[in-house]
């Protein structure tokens, strides 16, 4: 994500003709954009980085919801992540 932010910043400075960025080669803008594209289209799907993060968030929310429900019912939290039946 930070590569995309750098590319957008460089693009804005080049298009705005701000100081030395006005004479900056277009390669300095194209390379970070290409890297961001490769990240999102090749590397991320190949290794499932975003999917893994999303699944971790879902699991955290599920655990929080379960703990809140147990607290509201006045039950103890399970030991070692197992429920009352030992699963």
PDB file of N, CA and C in Angstrom:
ATOM      1  N   UNK A   1       0.825  -1.195   0.000  1.00  0.00           N
ATOM      2  CA  UNK A   1       0.000   0.000   0.000  1.00  0.00           C
ATOM      3  C   UNK A   1       0.865   1.252   0.000  1.00  0.00           C
ATOM      4  N   UNK A   2       1.958   1.205   0.741  1.00  0.00           N
ATOM      5  CA  UNK A   2       2.794   2.398   0.807  1.00  0.00           C
ATOM      6  C   UNK A   2       3.416   2.713  -0.544  1.00  0.00           C
ATOM      7  N   UNK A   3       3.681   1.690  -1.365  1.00  0.00           N
ATOM      8  CA  UNK A   3       4.242   1.937  -2.697  1.00  0.00           C
ATOM      9  C   UNK A   3       3.244   2.726  -3.544  1.00  0.00           C
ATOM     10  N   UNK A   4       1.974   2.388  -3.427  1.00  0.00           N
ATOM     11  CA  UNK A   4       0.948   3.097  -4.177  1.00  0.00           C
ATOM     12  C   UNK A   4       0.854   4.551  -3.711  1.00  0.00           C
ATOM     13  N   UNK A   5       0.958   4.771  -2.412  1.00  0.00           N
ATOM     14  CA  UNK A   5       0.925   6.141  -1.897  1.00  0.00           C
ATOM     15  C   UNK A   5       2.105   6.959  -2.413  1.00  0.00           C
ATOM     16  N   UNK A   6       3.286   6.351  -2.446  1.00  0.00           N
ATOM     17  CA  UNK A   6       4.471   7.036  -2.980  1.00  0.00           C
ATOM     18  C   UNK A   6       4.260   7.378  -4.450  1.00  0.00           C
ATOM     19  N   UNK A   7       3.734   6.431  -5.225  1.00  0.00           N
ATOM     20  CA  UNK A   7       3.499   6.666  -6.649  1.00  0.00           C
ATOM     21  C   UNK A   7       2.492   7.786  -6.868  1.00  0.00           C
ATOM     22  N   UNK A   8       1.439   7.803  -6.073  1.00  0.00           N
ATOM     23  CA  UNK A   8       0.423   8.853  -6.216  1.00  0.00           C
ATOM     24  C   UNK A   8       1.004  10.211  -5.824  1.00  0.00           C
ATOM     25  N   UNK A   9       1.810  10.239  -4.772  1.00  0.00           N
ATOM     26  CA  UNK A   9       2.466  11.479  -4.361  1.00  0.00           C
ATOM     27  C   UNK A   9       3.392  11.980  -5.463  1.00  0.00           C
ATOM     28  N   UNK A  10       4.217  11.093  -6.022  1.00  0.00           N
ATOM     29  CA  UNK A  10       5.112  11.487  -7.107  1.00  0.00           C
ATOM     30  C   UNK A  10       4.334  11.965  -8.328  1.00  0.00           C
ATOM     31  N   UNK A  11       3.244  11.284  -8.643  1.00  0.00           N
ATOM     32  CA  UNK A  11       2.413  11.682  -9.779  1.00  0.00           C
ATOM     33  C   UNK A  11       1.832  13.074  -9.569  1.00  0.00           C
ATOM     34  N   UNK A  12       1.329  13.315  -8.363  1.00  0.00           N
ATOM     35  CA  UNK A  12       0.775  14.642  -8.072  1.00  0.00           C
ATOM     36  C   UNK A  12       1.818  15.735  -8.150  1.00  0.00           C
ATOM     37  N   UNK A  13       3.014  15.466  -7.625  1.00  0.00           N
ATOM     38  CA  UNK A  13       4.083  16.465  -7.676  1.00  0.00           C
ATOM     39  C   UNK A  13       4.546  16.709  -9.105  1.00  0.00           C
ATOM     40  N   UNK A  14       4.599  15.670  -9.929  1.00  0.00           N
ATOM     41  CA  UNK A  14       5.014  15.825 -11.327  1.00  0.00           C
ATOM     42  C   UNK A  14       3.964  16.592 -12.115  1.00  0.00           C
ATOM     43  N   UNK A  15       2.706  16.212 -11.958  1.00  0.00           N
ATOM     44  CA  UNK A  15       1.646  16.906 -12.700  1.00  0.00           C
ATOM     45  C   UNK A  15       1.478  18.347 -12.225  1.00  0.00           C
ATOM     46  N   UNK A  16       1.759  18.583 -10.943  1.00  0.00           N
ATOM     47  CA  UNK A  16       1.676  19.946 -10.415  1.00  0.00           C
ATOM     48  C   UNK A  16       2.911  20.776 -10.707  1.00  0.00           C
ATOM     49  N   UNK A  17       3.911  20.158 -11.321  1.00  0.00           N
ATOM     50  CA  UNK A  17       5.167  20.820 -11.681  1.00  0.00           C
ATOM     51  C   UNK A  17       5.796  21.493 -10.472  1.00  0.00           C
ATOM     52  N   UNK A  18       5.895  20.737  -9.388  1.00  0.00           N
ATOM     53  CA  UNK A  18       6.449  21.256  -8.143  1.00  0.00           C
ATOM     54  C   UNK A  18       7.959  21.034  -8.136  1.00  0.00           C
ATOM     55  N   UNK A  19       8.713  22.121  -8.137  1.00  0.00           N
ATOM     56  CA  UNK A  19      10.169  22.097  -7.998  1.00  0.00           C
ATOM     57  C   UNK A  19      10.847  21.089  -8.916  1.00  0.00           C
ATOM     58  N   UNK A  20      11.767  20.287  -8.354  1.00  0.00           N
ATOM     59  CA  UNK A  20      12.529  19.339  -9.181  1.00  0.00           C
ATOM     60  C   UNK A  20      11.687  18.167  -9.698  1.00  0.00           C
ATOM     61  N   UNK A  21      10.495  18.002  -9.170  1.00  0.00           N
ATOM     62  CA  UNK A  21       9.644  16.895  -9.616  1.00  0.00           C
ATOM     63  C   UNK A  21       9.078  17.145 -11.012  1.00  0.00           C
ATOM     64  N   UNK A  22       9.085  18.412 -11.460  1.00  0.00           N
ATOM     65  CA  UNK A  22       8.576  18.734 -12.789  1.00  0.00           C
ATOM     66  C   UNK A  22       9.444  18.101 -13.871  1.00  0.00           C
ATOM     67  N   UNK A  23      10.743  17.965 -13.619  1.00  0.00           N
ATOM     68  CA  UNK A  23      11.651  17.395 -14.615  1.00  0.00           C
ATOM     69  C   UNK A  23      11.936  15.922 -14.347  1.00  0.00           C
ATOM     70  N   UNK A  24      11.292  15.359 -13.376  1.00  0.00           N
ATOM     71  CA  UNK A  24      11.497  13.957 -13.001  1.00  0.00           C
ATOM     72  C   UNK A  24      11.030  13.044 -14.133  1.00  0.00           C
ATOM     73  N   UNK A  25      11.798  12.012 -14.393  1.00  0.00           N
ATOM     74  CA  UNK A  25      11.439  11.060 -15.438  1.00  0.00           C
ATOM     75  C   UNK A  25      10.159  10.320 -15.054  1.00  0.00           C
ATOM     76  N   UNK A  26       9.386   9.950 -16.077  1.00  0.00           N
ATOM     77  CA  UNK A  26       8.151   9.218 -15.835  1.00  0.00           C
ATOM     78  C   UNK A  26       8.414   7.829 -15.284  1.00  0.00           C
ATOM     79  N   UNK A  27       9.636   7.321 -15.442  1.00  0.00           N
ATOM     80  CA  UNK A  27       9.988   6.019 -14.893  1.00  0.00           C
ATOM     81  C   UNK A  27       9.869   6.009 -13.373  1.00  0.00           C
ATOM     82  N   UNK A  28      10.165   7.129 -12.728  1.00  0.00           N
ATOM     83  CA  UNK A  28      10.076   7.218 -11.266  1.00  0.00           C
ATOM     84  C   UNK A  28       8.637   7.085 -10.788  1.00  0.00           C
ATOM     85  N   UNK A  29       7.695   7.333 -11.653  1.00  0.00           N
ATOM     86  CA  UNK A  29       6.284   7.210 -11.296  1.00  0.00           C
ATOM     87  C   UNK A  29       5.745   5.858 -11.750  1.00  0.00           C
ATOM     88  N   UNK A  30       6.193   5.414 -12.917  1.00  0.00           N
ATOM     89  CA  UNK A  30       5.713   4.159 -13.474  1.00  0.00           C
ATOM     90  C   UNK A  30       6.170   2.928 -12.710  1.00  0.00           C
ATOM     91  N   UNK A  31       7.394   2.954 -12.207  1.00  0.00           N
ATOM     92  CA  UNK A  31       7.914   1.783 -11.495  1.00  0.00           C
ATOM     93  C   UNK A  31       7.124   1.496 -10.206  1.00  0.00           C
ATOM     94  N   UNK A  32       6.876   2.483  -9.325  1.00  0.00           N
ATOM     95  CA  UNK A  32       6.063   2.158  -8.140  1.00  0.00           C
ATOM     96  C   UNK A  32       4.639   1.714  -8.496  1.00  0.00           C
ATOM     97  N   UNK A  33       4.063   2.291  -9.542  1.00  0.00           N
ATOM     98  CA  UNK A  33       2.727   1.861  -9.965  1.00  0.00           C
ATOM     99  C   UNK A  33       2.760   0.416 -10.472  1.00  0.00           C
ATOM    100  N   UNK A  34       3.805   0.071 -11.221  1.00  0.00           N
ATOM    101  CA  UNK A  34       3.939  -1.302 -11.710  1.00  0.00           C
ATOM    102  C   UNK A  34       4.158  -2.277 -10.553  1.00  0.00           C
ATOM    103  N   UNK A  35       4.958  -1.883  -9.566  1.00  0.00           N
ATOM    104  CA  UNK A  35       5.181  -2.741  -8.399  1.00  0.00           C
ATOM    105  C   UNK A  35       3.884  -2.974  -7.625  1.00  0.00           C
ATOM    106  N   UNK A  36       3.086  -1.927  -7.470  1.00  0.00           N
ATOM    107  CA  UNK A  36       1.802  -2.071  -6.775  1.00  0.00           C
ATOM    108  C   UNK A  36       0.888  -3.015  -7.563  1.00  0.00           C
ATOM    109  N   UNK A  37       0.879  -2.870  -8.878  1.00  0.00           N
ATOM    110  CA  UNK A  37       0.068  -3.753  -9.711  1.00  0.00           C
ATOM    111  C   UNK A  37       0.509  -5.207  -9.554  1.00  0.00           C
ATOM    112  N   UNK A  38       1.821  -5.446  -9.617  1.00  0.00           N
ATOM    113  CA  UNK A  38       2.348  -6.806  -9.476  1.00  0.00           C
ATOM    114  C   UNK A  38       1.998  -7.365  -8.106  1.00  0.00           C
ATOM    115  N   UNK A  39       2.078  -6.529  -7.077  1.00  0.00           N
ATOM    116  CA  UNK A  39       1.748  -7.000  -5.730  1.00  0.00           C
ATOM    117  C   UNK A  39       0.308  -7.483  -5.668  1.00  0.00           C
ATOM    118  N   UNK A  40      -0.625  -6.638  -6.131  1.00  0.00           N
ATOM    119  CA  UNK A  40      -2.040  -6.983  -5.986  1.00  0.00           C
ATOM    120  C   UNK A  40      -2.519  -8.043  -6.963  1.00  0.00           C
ATOM    121  N   UNK A  41      -1.911  -8.131  -8.115  1.00  0.00           N
ATOM    122  CA  UNK A  41      -2.384  -9.075  -9.125  1.00  0.00           C
ATOM    123  C   UNK A  41      -1.636 -10.402  -9.132  1.00  0.00           C
ATOM    124  N   UNK A  42      -0.420 -10.444  -8.593  1.00  0.00           N
ATOM    125  CA  UNK A  42       0.372 -11.673  -8.659  1.00  0.00           C
ATOM    126  C   UNK A  42       0.715 -12.197  -7.267  1.00  0.00           C
ATOM    127  N   UNK A  43       1.442 -11.399  -6.504  1.00  0.00           N
ATOM    128  CA  UNK A  43       1.979 -11.872  -5.230  1.00  0.00           C
ATOM    129  C   UNK A  43       0.879 -12.113  -4.198  1.00  0.00           C
ATOM    130  N   UNK A  44      -0.021 -11.163  -4.043  1.00  0.00           N
ATOM    131  CA  UNK A  44      -1.082 -11.315  -3.044  1.00  0.00           C
ATOM    132  C   UNK A  44      -1.968 -12.529  -3.302  1.00  0.00           C
ATOM    133  N   UNK A  45      -2.475 -12.728  -4.519  1.00  0.00           N
ATOM    134  CA  UNK A  45      -3.279 -13.944  -4.753  1.00  0.00           C
ATOM    135  C   UNK A  45      -2.466 -15.232  -4.617  1.00  0.00           C
ATOM    136  N   UNK A  46      -1.187 -15.182  -4.995  1.00  0.00           N
ATOM    137  CA  UNK A  46      -0.367 -16.388  -4.949  1.00  0.00           C
ATOM    138  C   UNK A  46      -0.154 -16.867  -3.512  1.00  0.00           C
ATOM    139  N   UNK A  47       0.097 -15.931  -2.615  1.00  0.00           N
ATOM    140  CA  UNK A  47       0.381 -16.298  -1.234  1.00  0.00           C
ATOM    141  C   UNK A  47      -0.793 -16.064  -0.295  1.00  0.00           C
ATOM    142  N   UNK A  48      -1.878 -15.465  -0.767  1.00  0.00           N
ATOM    143  CA  UNK A  48      -3.085 -15.283   0.030  1.00  0.00           C
ATOM    144  C   UNK A  48      -2.919 -14.357   1.217  1.00  0.00           C
ATOM    145  N   UNK A  49      -2.130 -13.306   1.071  1.00  0.00           N
ATOM    146  CA  UNK A  49      -1.847 -12.398   2.180  1.00  0.00           C
ATOM    147  C   UNK A  49      -3.122 -11.709   2.663  1.00  0.00           C
ATOM    148  N   UNK A  50      -3.865 -11.105   1.755  1.00  0.00           N
ATOM    149  CA  UNK A  50      -5.083 -10.386   2.138  1.00  0.00           C
ATOM    150  C   UNK A  50      -6.137 -11.342   2.683  1.00  0.00           C
ATOM    151  N   UNK A  51      -6.263 -12.497   2.068  1.00  0.00           N
ATOM    152  CA  UNK A  51      -7.257 -13.475   2.525  1.00  0.00           C
ATOM    153  C   UNK A  51      -6.939 -13.950   3.933  1.00  0.00           C
ATOM    154  N   UNK A  52      -5.665 -14.182   4.217  1.00  0.00           N
ATOM    155  CA  UNK A  52      -5.256 -14.638   5.550  1.00  0.00           C
ATOM    156  C   UNK A  52      -5.580 -13.570   6.594  1.00  0.00           C
ATOM    157  N   UNK A  53      -5.295 -12.313   6.271  1.00  0.00           N
ATOM    158  CA  UNK A  53      -5.602 -11.225   7.204  1.00  0.00           C
ATOM    159  C   UNK A  53      -7.100 -11.124   7.451  1.00  0.00           C
ATOM    160  N   UNK A  54      -7.884 -11.264   6.397  1.00  0.00           N
ATOM    161  CA  UNK A  54      -9.340 -11.191   6.539  1.00  0.00           C
ATOM    162  C   UNK A  54      -9.854 -12.338   7.405  1.00  0.00           C
ATOM    163  N   UNK A  55      -9.298 -13.530   7.212  1.00  0.00           N
ATOM    164  CA  UNK A  55      -9.733 -14.681   8.010  1.00  0.00           C
ATOM    165  C   UNK A  55      -9.344 -14.504   9.474  1.00  0.00           C
ATOM    166  N   UNK A  56      -8.173 -13.919   9.742  1.00  0.00           N
ATOM    167  CA  UNK A  56      -7.756 -13.666  11.123  1.00  0.00           C
ATOM    168  C   UNK A  56      -8.706 -12.679  11.796  1.00  0.00           C
ATOM    169  N   UNK A  57      -9.119 -11.647  11.058  1.00  0.00           N
ATOM    170  CA  UNK A  57     -10.070 -10.678  11.611  1.00  0.00           C
ATOM    171  C   UNK A  57     -11.395 -11.342  11.949  1.00  0.00           C
ATOM    172  N   UNK A  58     -11.868 -12.211  11.054  1.00  0.00           N
ATOM    173  CA  UNK A  58     -13.135 -12.914  11.288  1.00  0.00           C
ATOM    174  C   UNK A  58     -13.024 -13.782  12.533  1.00  0.00           C
ATOM    175  N   UNK A  59     -11.905 -14.506  12.673  1.00  0.00           N
ATOM    176  CA  UNK A  59     -11.709 -15.363  13.845  1.00  0.00           C
ATOM    177  C   UNK A  59     -11.646 -14.549  15.128  1.00  0.00           C
ATOM    178  N   UNK A  60     -10.988 -13.392  15.096  1.00  0.00           N
ATOM    179  CA  UNK A  60     -10.933 -12.528  16.282  1.00  0.00           C
ATOM    180  C   UNK A  60     -12.325 -12.061  16.670  1.00  0.00           C
ATOM    181  N   UNK A  61     -13.100 -11.620  15.668  1.00  0.00           N
ATOM    182  CA  UNK A  61     -14.463 -11.166  15.949  1.00  0.00           C
ATOM    183  C   UNK A  61     -15.314 -12.288  16.509  1.00  0.00           C
ATOM    184  N   UNK A  62     -15.134 -13.496  15.956  1.00  0.00           N
ATOM    185  CA  UNK A  62     -15.896 -14.644  16.424  1.00  0.00           C
ATOM    186  C   UNK A  62     -15.552 -14.956  17.886  1.00  0.00           C
ATOM    187  N   UNK A  63     -14.258 -14.915  18.236  1.00  0.00           N
ATOM    188  CA  UNK A  63     -13.830 -15.186  19.608  1.00  0.00           C
ATOM    189  C   UNK A  63     -14.350 -14.114  20.561  1.00  0.00           C
ATOM    190  N   UNK A  64     -14.305 -12.854  20.138  1.00  0.00           N
ATOM    191  CA  UNK A  64     -14.825 -11.774  20.978  1.00  0.00           C
ATOM    192  C   UNK A  64     -16.327 -11.930  21.197  1.00  0.00           C
ATOM    193  N   UNK A  65     -17.049 -12.271  20.135  1.00  0.00           N
ATOM    194  CA  UNK A  65     -18.498 -12.449  20.239  1.00  0.00           C
ATOM    195  C   UNK A  65     -18.824 -13.607  21.165  1.00  0.00           C
ATOM    196  N   UNK A  66     -18.077 -14.692  21.067  1.00  0.00           N
ATOM    197  CA  UNK A  66     -18.289 -15.852  21.932  1.00  0.00           C
ATOM    198  C   UNK A  66     -17.995 -15.508  23.385  1.00  0.00           C
ATOM    199  N   UNK A  67     -16.887 -14.802  23.626  1.00  0.00           N
ATOM    200  CA  UNK A  67     -16.527 -14.414  24.993  1.00  0.00           C
ATOM    201  C   UNK A  67     -17.583 -13.475  25.580  1.00  0.00           C
ATOM    202  N   UNK A  68     -18.079 -12.548  24.769  1.00  0.00           N
ATOM    203  CA  UNK A  68     -19.105 -11.617  25.239  1.00  0.00           C
ATOM    204  C   UNK A  68     -20.396 -12.364  25.575  1.00  0.00           C
ATOM    205  N   UNK A  69     -20.759 -13.332  24.741  1.00  0.00           N
ATOM    206  CA  UNK A  69     -21.973 -14.118  24.997  1.00  0.00           C
ATOM    207  C   UNK A  69     -21.825 -14.933  26.275  1.00  0.00           C
ATOM    208  N   UNK A  70     -20.655 -15.543  26.481  1.00  0.00           N
ATOM    209  CA  UNK A  70     -20.412 -16.318  27.707  1.00  0.00           C
ATOM    210  C   UNK A  70     -20.471 -15.412  28.939  1.00  0.00           C
ATOM    211  N   UNK A  71     -19.876 -14.237  28.817  1.00  0.00           N
ATOM    212  CA  UNK A  71     -19.898 -13.281  29.935  1.00  0.00           C
ATOM    213  C   UNK A  71     -21.335 -12.877  30.261  1.00  0.00           C
ATOM    214  N   UNK A  72     -22.120 -12.606  29.229  1.00  0.00           N
ATOM    215  CA  UNK A  72     -23.512 -12.200  29.442  1.00  0.00           C
ATOM    216  C   UNK A  72     -24.354 -13.308  30.049  1.00  0.00           C
ATOM    217  N   UNK A  73     -24.004 -14.548  29.754  1.00  0.00           N
ATOM    218  CA  UNK A  73     -24.729 -15.684  30.316  1.00  0.00           C
ATOM    219  C   UNK A  73     -24.190 -16.094  31.685  1.00  0.00           C
ATOM    220  N   UNK A  74     -23.074 -15.511  32.077  1.00  0.00           N
ATOM    221  CA  UNK A  74     -22.490 -15.829  33.369  1.00  0.00           C
ATOM    222  C   UNK A  74     -21.687 -17.120  33.359  1.00  0.00           C
ATOM    223  N   UNK A  75     -21.213 -17.525  32.195  1.00  0.00           N
ATOM    224  CA  UNK A  75     -20.416 -18.749  32.083  1.00  0.00           C
ATOM    225  C   UNK A  75     -18.926 -18.406  32.111  1.00  0.00           C
ATOM    226  N   UNK A  76     -18.126 -19.406  32.518  1.00  0.00           N
ATOM    227  CA  UNK A  76     -16.684 -19.215  32.496  1.00  0.00           C
ATOM    228  C   UNK A  76     -16.172 -19.350  31.069  1.00  0.00           C
ATOM    229  N   UNK A  77     -15.035 -18.731  30.821  1.00  0.00           N
ATOM    230  CA  UNK A  77     -14.393 -18.878  29.522  1.00  0.00           C
ATOM    231  C   UNK A  77     -13.776 -20.267  29.444  1.00  0.00           C
ATOM    232  N   UNK A  78     -13.809 -20.889  28.284  1.00  0.00           N
ATOM    233  CA  UNK A  78     -13.230 -22.229  28.154  1.00  0.00           C
ATOM    234  C   UNK A  78     -11.719 -22.199  28.337  1.00  0.00           C
ATOM    235  N   UNK A  79     -11.168 -23.299  28.888  1.00  0.00           N
ATOM    236  CA  UNK A  79      -9.721 -23.400  29.065  1.00  0.00           C
ATOM    237  C   UNK A  79      -9.078 -23.859  27.765  1.00  0.00           C
ATOM    238  N   UNK A  80      -7.945 -23.280  27.451  1.00  0.00           N
ATOM    239  CA  UNK A  80      -7.157 -23.664  26.276  1.00  0.00           C
ATOM    240  C   UNK A  80      -7.958 -23.637  24.981  1.00  0.00           C
ATOM    241  N   UNK A  81      -8.945 -22.790  24.908  1.00  0.00           N
ATOM    242  CA  UNK A  81      -9.727 -22.663  23.683  1.00  0.00           C
ATOM    243  C   UNK A  81     -10.677 -23.805  23.415  1.00  0.00           C
ATOM    244  N   UNK A  82     -10.871 -24.710  24.363  1.00  0.00           N
ATOM    245  CA  UNK A  82     -11.796 -25.822  24.155  1.00  0.00           C
ATOM    246  C   UNK A  82     -13.126 -25.505  24.808  1.00  0.00           C
ATOM    247  N   UNK A  83     -14.179 -26.025  24.224  1.00  0.00           N
ATOM    248  CA  UNK A  83     -15.490 -25.814  24.834  1.00  0.00           C
ATOM    249  C   UNK A  83     -15.735 -26.860  25.926  1.00  0.00           C
ATOM    250  N   UNK A  84     -16.931 -26.847  26.485  1.00  0.00           N
ATOM    251  CA  UNK A  84     -17.244 -27.729  27.608  1.00  0.00           C
ATOM    252  C   UNK A  84     -17.193 -29.217  27.243  1.00  0.00           C
ATOM    253  N   UNK A  85     -17.368 -29.533  25.968  1.00  0.00           N
ATOM    254  CA  UNK A  85     -17.360 -30.925  25.555  1.00  0.00           C
ATOM    255  C   UNK A  85     -15.961 -31.419  25.194  1.00  0.00           C
ATOM    256  N   UNK A  86     -14.941 -30.572  25.330  1.00  0.00           N
ATOM    257  CA  UNK A  86     -13.572 -30.965  25.054  1.00  0.00           C
ATOM    258  C   UNK A  86     -13.168 -30.904  23.600  1.00  0.00           C
ATOM    259  N   UNK A  87     -13.953 -30.227  22.791  1.00  0.00           N
ATOM    260  CA  UNK A  87     -13.609 -30.093  21.364  1.00  0.00           C
ATOM    261  C   UNK A  87     -12.675 -28.951  21.149  1.00  0.00           C
TER     262      UNK A  87
END
